[in-house]
Amino acid sequence: MPSEDSAFEIRLDGCEMILSPTALAMNEPVSVRAMTDSVDRLLNEPRPNLITDLIVDFAQIERITSVGLNELIQLKQRVGRSGVGVKLRSVTEDVRQVFQITRLERIFDLVEVSPTESSALSASDSKRDS
């Protein structure tokens, strides 16, 4: 489900909610608030599958500001109250260094995309673009 301004996309995959923000959505106060409000709203909607993990896909994020870091911390706290874990996927080396310098890698689960997942993600992106 792309947002109205296409600054982020949220999709459900089984028990996972996958959030794919653009750099604007992650670093601009109004956009990041709209993104996290959308996540909150979707987590509170009734659905057949219980959401166990929120995967934030950093594929389009080359840098992150204090605005993005602060909102990620708040988002982790809010979804954590519902028992939902937060994982950050496809984090670039530059962004990973920011998490290390700020010691936020201690509270966030930074995960790599396996070759199988990478192929599946590419295939699903191709289908969406057609």
N, C-alpha and C. Protein backbone atom coordinates (compact mmCIF):
# COMPACT_ATOMS: atom_id res chain seq x y z
N MET A 1 0.83 -1.17 0.00
CA MET A 1 0.00 0.00 0.00
C MET A 1 0.88 1.24 0.00
N PRO A 2 1.12 1.88 -1.17
CA PRO A 2 1.92 3.10 -1.21
C PRO A 2 1.17 4.24 -0.53
N SER A 3 1.93 5.16 0.05
CA SER A 3 1.31 6.33 0.66
C SER A 3 0.84 7.26 -0.43
N GLU A 4 0.05 8.26 -0.04
CA GLU A 4 -0.47 9.21 -1.01
C GLU A 4 0.65 9.94 -1.73
N ASP A 5 1.73 10.28 -1.02
CA ASP A 5 2.82 11.02 -1.66
C ASP A 5 3.97 10.10 -2.09
N SER A 6 3.77 8.79 -1.98
CA SER A 6 4.76 7.78 -2.37
C SER A 6 6.09 7.93 -1.64
N ALA A 7 6.08 8.51 -0.45
CA ALA A 7 7.30 8.64 0.33
C ALA A 7 7.62 7.36 1.07
N PHE A 8 6.63 6.45 1.14
CA PHE A 8 6.86 5.16 1.78
C PHE A 8 5.80 4.19 1.30
N GLU A 9 6.10 2.92 1.48
CA GLU A 9 5.16 1.85 1.15
C GLU A 9 5.11 0.90 2.34
N ILE A 10 3.92 0.44 2.64
CA ILE A 10 3.75 -0.56 3.69
C ILE A 10 3.02 -1.74 3.07
N ARG A 11 3.57 -2.93 3.28
CA ARG A 11 2.89 -4.14 2.79
C ARG A 11 2.96 -5.21 3.86
N LEU A 12 2.01 -6.10 3.80
CA LEU A 12 1.96 -7.22 4.75
C LEU A 12 2.42 -8.47 4.04
N ASP A 13 3.24 -9.25 4.72
CA ASP A 13 3.73 -10.52 4.19
C ASP A 13 3.64 -11.53 5.33
N GLY A 14 2.52 -12.25 5.38
CA GLY A 14 2.30 -13.20 6.47
C GLY A 14 2.20 -12.46 7.79
N CYS A 15 3.12 -12.77 8.69
CA CYS A 15 3.14 -12.15 10.03
C CYS A 15 4.06 -10.93 10.09
N GLU A 16 4.57 -10.50 8.94
CA GLU A 16 5.48 -9.36 8.92
C GLU A 16 4.82 -8.16 8.24
N MET A 17 5.06 -7.00 8.80
CA MET A 17 4.70 -5.74 8.15
C MET A 17 6.01 -5.18 7.63
N ILE A 18 6.07 -4.88 6.33
CA ILE A 18 7.30 -4.39 5.72
C ILE A 18 7.10 -2.93 5.34
N LEU A 19 7.93 -2.10 5.91
CA LEU A 19 7.88 -0.66 5.69
C LEU A 19 9.07 -0.28 4.82
N SER A 20 8.80 0.31 3.66
CA SER A 20 9.86 0.72 2.74
C SER A 20 9.81 2.23 2.54
N PRO A 21 10.57 2.97 3.36
CA PRO A 21 10.56 4.43 3.23
C PRO A 21 11.58 4.94 2.22
N THR A 22 11.31 6.13 1.68
CA THR A 22 12.32 6.84 0.90
C THR A 22 13.14 7.68 1.86
N ALA A 23 14.21 8.28 1.36
CA ALA A 23 15.04 9.14 2.21
C ALA A 23 14.21 10.28 2.78
N LEU A 24 13.31 10.83 1.99
CA LEU A 24 12.45 11.92 2.47
C LEU A 24 11.59 11.45 3.63
N ALA A 25 10.97 10.30 3.49
CA ALA A 25 10.08 9.79 4.54
C ALA A 25 10.84 9.53 5.83
N MET A 26 12.10 9.18 5.73
CA MET A 26 12.88 8.83 6.92
C MET A 26 13.49 10.05 7.60
N ASN A 27 13.65 11.16 6.88
CA ASN A 27 14.42 12.27 7.42
C ASN A 27 13.70 13.61 7.50
N GLU A 28 12.50 13.72 7.01
CA GLU A 28 11.75 14.97 7.04
C GLU A 28 10.63 14.84 8.07
N PRO A 29 10.56 15.76 9.04
CA PRO A 29 9.64 15.59 10.17
C PRO A 29 8.19 15.28 9.80
N VAL A 30 7.60 15.99 8.87
CA VAL A 30 6.19 15.75 8.53
C VAL A 30 6.02 14.38 7.88
N SER A 31 6.92 14.01 6.99
CA SER A 31 6.83 12.72 6.30
C SER A 31 7.05 11.55 7.25
N VAL A 32 8.04 11.68 8.13
CA VAL A 32 8.34 10.58 9.05
C VAL A 32 7.18 10.39 10.03
N ARG A 33 6.53 11.46 10.44
CA ARG A 33 5.38 11.35 11.33
C ARG A 33 4.21 10.67 10.62
N ALA A 34 3.97 11.03 9.36
CA ALA A 34 2.89 10.39 8.58
C ALA A 34 3.17 8.90 8.42
N MET A 35 4.44 8.56 8.20
CA MET A 35 4.82 7.17 8.02
C MET A 35 4.57 6.37 9.31
N THR A 36 5.02 6.89 10.43
CA THR A 36 4.85 6.14 11.67
C THR A 36 3.39 6.09 12.11
N ASP A 37 2.63 7.15 11.83
CA ASP A 37 1.20 7.13 12.12
C ASP A 37 0.50 6.05 11.30
N SER A 38 0.90 5.88 10.05
CA SER A 38 0.32 4.83 9.19
C SER A 38 0.62 3.44 9.74
N VAL A 39 1.85 3.25 10.22
CA VAL A 39 2.22 1.96 10.83
C VAL A 39 1.34 1.70 12.05
N ASP A 40 1.21 2.70 12.91
CA ASP A 40 0.37 2.56 14.11
C ASP A 40 -1.06 2.18 13.74
N ARG A 41 -1.61 2.88 12.78
CA ARG A 41 -3.00 2.63 12.34
C ARG A 41 -3.15 1.20 11.82
N LEU A 42 -2.23 0.76 10.99
CA LEU A 42 -2.32 -0.59 10.43
C LEU A 42 -2.14 -1.67 11.49
N LEU A 43 -1.28 -1.42 12.45
CA LEU A 43 -1.08 -2.41 13.52
C LEU A 43 -2.34 -2.58 14.36
N ASN A 44 -3.16 -1.56 14.43
CA ASN A 44 -4.37 -1.62 15.24
C ASN A 44 -5.59 -2.12 14.49
N GLU A 45 -5.47 -2.33 13.18
CA GLU A 45 -6.59 -2.86 12.40
C GLU A 45 -6.70 -4.37 12.62
N PRO A 46 -7.94 -4.88 12.69
CA PRO A 46 -8.10 -6.33 12.82
C PRO A 46 -7.63 -7.03 11.54
N ARG A 47 -6.98 -8.18 11.70
CA ARG A 47 -6.52 -8.97 10.55
C ARG A 47 -6.40 -10.41 10.97
N PRO A 48 -6.43 -11.32 9.99
CA PRO A 48 -6.36 -12.75 10.32
C PRO A 48 -5.01 -13.18 10.89
N ASN A 49 -3.92 -12.58 10.42
CA ASN A 49 -2.58 -12.94 10.91
C ASN A 49 -2.09 -11.90 11.91
N LEU A 50 -1.58 -12.36 13.02
CA LEU A 50 -0.99 -11.48 14.01
C LEU A 50 0.36 -10.98 13.48
N ILE A 51 0.59 -9.68 13.52
CA ILE A 51 1.87 -9.13 13.08
C ILE A 51 2.89 -9.35 14.20
N THR A 52 3.98 -10.02 13.88
CA THR A 52 5.01 -10.29 14.88
C THR A 52 6.25 -9.41 14.69
N ASP A 53 6.49 -8.96 13.45
CA ASP A 53 7.68 -8.16 13.17
C ASP A 53 7.36 -7.02 12.23
N LEU A 54 7.96 -5.89 12.51
CA LEU A 54 7.96 -4.75 11.60
C LEU A 54 9.35 -4.72 10.98
N ILE A 55 9.42 -4.91 9.68
CA ILE A 55 10.69 -4.87 8.95
C ILE A 55 10.78 -3.51 8.27
N VAL A 56 11.79 -2.73 8.64
CA VAL A 56 12.00 -1.44 7.99
C VAL A 56 13.10 -1.65 6.95
N ASP A 57 12.72 -1.55 5.69
CA ASP A 57 13.64 -1.80 4.58
C ASP A 57 14.38 -0.50 4.24
N PHE A 58 15.67 -0.48 4.50
CA PHE A 58 16.50 0.70 4.29
C PHE A 58 17.11 0.76 2.89
N ALA A 59 16.59 -0.01 1.95
CA ALA A 59 17.19 -0.08 0.61
C ALA A 59 17.32 1.29 -0.06
N GLN A 60 16.41 2.22 0.23
CA GLN A 60 16.45 3.55 -0.39
C GLN A 60 17.08 4.62 0.50
N ILE A 61 17.58 4.21 1.66
CA ILE A 61 18.10 5.17 2.63
C ILE A 61 19.63 5.17 2.59
N GLU A 62 20.20 6.28 2.16
CA GLU A 62 21.65 6.41 2.11
C GLU A 62 22.21 7.16 3.31
N ARG A 63 21.34 7.91 3.98
CA ARG A 63 21.76 8.63 5.18
C ARG A 63 20.55 8.75 6.09
N ILE A 64 20.82 9.00 7.36
CA ILE A 64 19.73 9.17 8.31
C ILE A 64 20.09 10.31 9.24
N THR A 65 19.11 11.16 9.51
CA THR A 65 19.32 12.31 10.38
C THR A 65 18.81 11.99 11.79
N SER A 66 19.00 12.95 12.68
CA SER A 66 18.50 12.78 14.05
C SER A 66 16.98 12.66 14.06
N VAL A 67 16.32 13.28 13.09
CA VAL A 67 14.85 13.16 13.00
C VAL A 67 14.47 11.71 12.76
N GLY A 68 15.12 11.07 11.81
CA GLY A 68 14.83 9.67 11.50
C GLY A 68 15.18 8.74 12.66
N LEU A 69 16.33 8.99 13.29
CA LEU A 69 16.74 8.16 14.43
C LEU A 69 15.73 8.27 15.58
N ASN A 70 15.34 9.50 15.89
CA ASN A 70 14.39 9.71 16.97
C ASN A 70 13.06 9.01 16.68
N GLU A 71 12.58 9.13 15.47
CA GLU A 71 11.29 8.51 15.13
C GLU A 71 11.39 6.98 15.17
N LEU A 72 12.52 6.43 14.74
CA LEU A 72 12.71 4.98 14.82
C LEU A 72 12.68 4.50 16.28
N ILE A 73 13.31 5.26 17.15
CA ILE A 73 13.31 4.89 18.58
C ILE A 73 11.88 4.92 19.11
N GLN A 74 11.14 5.98 18.80
CA GLN A 74 9.76 6.08 19.27
C GLN A 74 8.88 4.98 18.67
N LEU A 75 9.10 4.69 17.39
CA LEU A 75 8.33 3.64 16.73
C LEU A 75 8.61 2.29 17.38
N LYS A 76 9.87 2.01 17.67
CA LYS A 76 10.23 0.75 18.33
C LYS A 76 9.53 0.63 19.68
N GLN A 77 9.49 1.72 20.42
CA GLN A 77 8.82 1.69 21.73
C GLN A 77 7.33 1.45 21.57
N ARG A 78 6.69 2.14 20.63
CA ARG A 78 5.24 1.99 20.44
C ARG A 78 4.86 0.60 19.98
N VAL A 79 5.54 0.07 18.96
CA VAL A 79 5.15 -1.25 18.46
C VAL A 79 5.58 -2.34 19.43
N GLY A 80 6.64 -2.08 20.19
CA GLY A 80 7.09 -3.04 21.19
C GLY A 80 6.05 -3.29 22.27
N ARG A 81 5.26 -2.27 22.59
CA ARG A 81 4.19 -2.43 23.58
C ARG A 81 3.14 -3.42 23.10
N SER A 82 3.04 -3.59 21.78
CA SER A 82 2.09 -4.55 21.20
C SER A 82 2.74 -5.92 20.98
N GLY A 83 4.00 -6.06 21.39
CA GLY A 83 4.70 -7.33 21.22
C GLY A 83 5.28 -7.52 19.84
N VAL A 84 5.39 -6.44 19.07
CA VAL A 84 5.93 -6.52 17.71
C VAL A 84 7.41 -6.14 17.75
N GLY A 85 8.25 -6.96 17.14
CA GLY A 85 9.67 -6.68 17.05
C GLY A 85 9.97 -5.79 15.86
N VAL A 86 11.07 -5.06 15.91
CA VAL A 86 11.49 -4.19 14.80
C VAL A 86 12.83 -4.67 14.29
N LYS A 87 12.90 -4.89 12.98
CA LYS A 87 14.15 -5.27 12.33
C LYS A 87 14.44 -4.28 11.21
N LEU A 88 15.70 -3.88 11.09
CA LEU A 88 16.12 -2.98 10.03
C LEU A 88 16.87 -3.79 8.99
N ARG A 89 16.39 -3.74 7.75
CA ARG A 89 16.93 -4.57 6.68
C ARG A 89 17.59 -3.71 5.60
N SER A 90 18.61 -4.25 4.97
CA SER A 90 19.31 -3.59 3.86
C SER A 90 19.91 -2.25 4.26
N VAL A 91 20.53 -2.21 5.43
CA VAL A 91 21.14 -0.98 5.94
C VAL A 91 22.51 -0.80 5.29
N THR A 92 22.72 0.38 4.68
CA THR A 92 24.01 0.65 4.04
C THR A 92 25.11 0.79 5.09
N GLU A 93 26.33 0.71 4.65
CA GLU A 93 27.46 0.81 5.57
C GLU A 93 27.48 2.18 6.26
N ASP A 94 27.20 3.26 5.52
CA ASP A 94 27.19 4.60 6.12
C ASP A 94 26.14 4.72 7.21
N VAL A 95 24.95 4.21 6.95
CA VAL A 95 23.88 4.27 7.95
C VAL A 95 24.20 3.34 9.11
N ARG A 96 24.78 2.19 8.82
CA ARG A 96 25.18 1.25 9.88
C ARG A 96 26.18 1.94 10.82
N GLN A 97 27.09 2.73 10.27
CA GLN A 97 28.06 3.44 11.10
C GLN A 97 27.38 4.44 12.03
N VAL A 98 26.33 5.10 11.54
CA VAL A 98 25.58 6.02 12.39
C VAL A 98 24.98 5.25 13.57
N PHE A 99 24.41 4.08 13.30
CA PHE A 99 23.85 3.26 14.38
C PHE A 99 24.94 2.82 15.36
N GLN A 100 26.14 2.54 14.86
CA GLN A 100 27.23 2.13 15.75
C GLN A 100 27.73 3.30 16.59
N ILE A 101 27.91 4.47 15.96
CA ILE A 101 28.40 5.65 16.68
C ILE A 101 27.42 6.06 17.78
N THR A 102 26.13 5.98 17.47
CA THR A 102 25.10 6.36 18.45
C THR A 102 24.75 5.22 19.40
N ARG A 103 25.36 4.07 19.15
CA ARG A 103 25.13 2.85 19.93
C ARG A 103 23.70 2.32 19.81
N LEU A 104 23.00 2.74 18.78
CA LEU A 104 21.64 2.26 18.57
C LEU A 104 21.60 0.86 17.99
N GLU A 105 22.75 0.35 17.52
CA GLU A 105 22.77 -1.03 17.05
C GLU A 105 22.51 -2.00 18.19
N ARG A 106 22.61 -1.50 19.42
CA ARG A 106 22.32 -2.33 20.60
C ARG A 106 20.82 -2.56 20.79
N ILE A 107 20.00 -1.62 20.32
CA ILE A 107 18.56 -1.78 20.52
C ILE A 107 17.81 -2.18 19.25
N PHE A 108 18.47 -2.03 18.11
CA PHE A 108 17.84 -2.42 16.84
C PHE A 108 18.51 -3.66 16.28
N ASP A 109 17.69 -4.50 15.69
CA ASP A 109 18.17 -5.71 15.04
C ASP A 109 18.43 -5.38 13.57
N LEU A 110 19.70 -5.22 13.20
CA LEU A 110 20.07 -4.93 11.81
C LEU A 110 20.30 -6.25 11.11
N VAL A 111 19.48 -6.56 10.13
CA VAL A 111 19.55 -7.85 9.46
C VAL A 111 19.97 -7.68 8.00
N GLU A 112 20.67 -8.67 7.55
CA GLU A 112 21.08 -8.71 6.15
C GLU A 112 19.99 -9.42 5.34
N VAL A 113 19.94 -9.14 4.08
CA VAL A 113 19.03 -9.85 3.19
C VAL A 113 19.78 -11.04 2.62
N SER A 114 19.22 -12.23 2.81
CA SER A 114 19.86 -13.43 2.28
C SER A 114 19.72 -13.44 0.76
N PRO A 115 20.57 -14.20 0.03
CA PRO A 115 20.44 -14.28 -1.43
C PRO A 115 19.04 -14.72 -1.87
N THR A 116 18.42 -15.64 -1.14
CA THR A 116 17.08 -16.10 -1.48
C THR A 116 16.07 -14.96 -1.34
N GLU A 117 16.15 -14.23 -0.21
CA GLU A 117 15.26 -13.10 0.00
C GLU A 117 15.50 -12.02 -1.04
N SER A 118 16.76 -11.78 -1.37
CA SER A 118 17.10 -10.76 -2.35
C SER A 118 16.47 -11.08 -3.70
N SER A 119 16.53 -12.34 -4.12
CA SER A 119 15.91 -12.75 -5.38
C SER A 119 14.39 -12.58 -5.33
N ALA A 120 13.80 -12.96 -4.20
CA ALA A 120 12.35 -12.84 -4.04
C ALA A 120 11.94 -11.37 -4.04
N LEU A 121 12.73 -10.51 -3.38
CA LEU A 121 12.41 -9.08 -3.35
C LEU A 121 12.52 -8.49 -4.75
N SER A 122 13.53 -8.87 -5.49
CA SER A 122 13.69 -8.36 -6.85
C SER A 122 12.52 -8.79 -7.73
N ALA A 123 12.09 -10.04 -7.56
CA ALA A 123 10.97 -10.55 -8.35
C ALA A 123 9.69 -9.81 -8.00
N SER A 124 9.45 -9.56 -6.72
CA SER A 124 8.22 -8.86 -6.34
C SER A 124 8.28 -7.41 -6.79
N ASP A 125 9.46 -6.77 -6.77
CA ASP A 125 9.60 -5.40 -7.27
C ASP A 125 9.33 -5.36 -8.77
N SER A 126 9.79 -6.36 -9.50
CA SER A 126 9.55 -6.42 -10.95
C SER A 126 8.07 -6.54 -11.26
N LYS A 127 7.37 -7.37 -10.48
CA LYS A 127 5.93 -7.55 -10.69
C LYS A 127 5.19 -6.25 -10.43
N ARG A 128 5.58 -5.51 -9.38
CA ARG A 128 4.92 -4.26 -9.04
C ARG A 128 5.16 -3.22 -10.10
N ASP A 129 6.37 -3.21 -10.69
CA ASP A 129 6.71 -2.20 -11.69
C ASP A 129 6.03 -2.47 -13.03
N SER A 130 5.54 -3.70 -13.27
CA SER A 130 4.92 -4.02 -14.56
C SER A 130 3.50 -3.56 -14.62
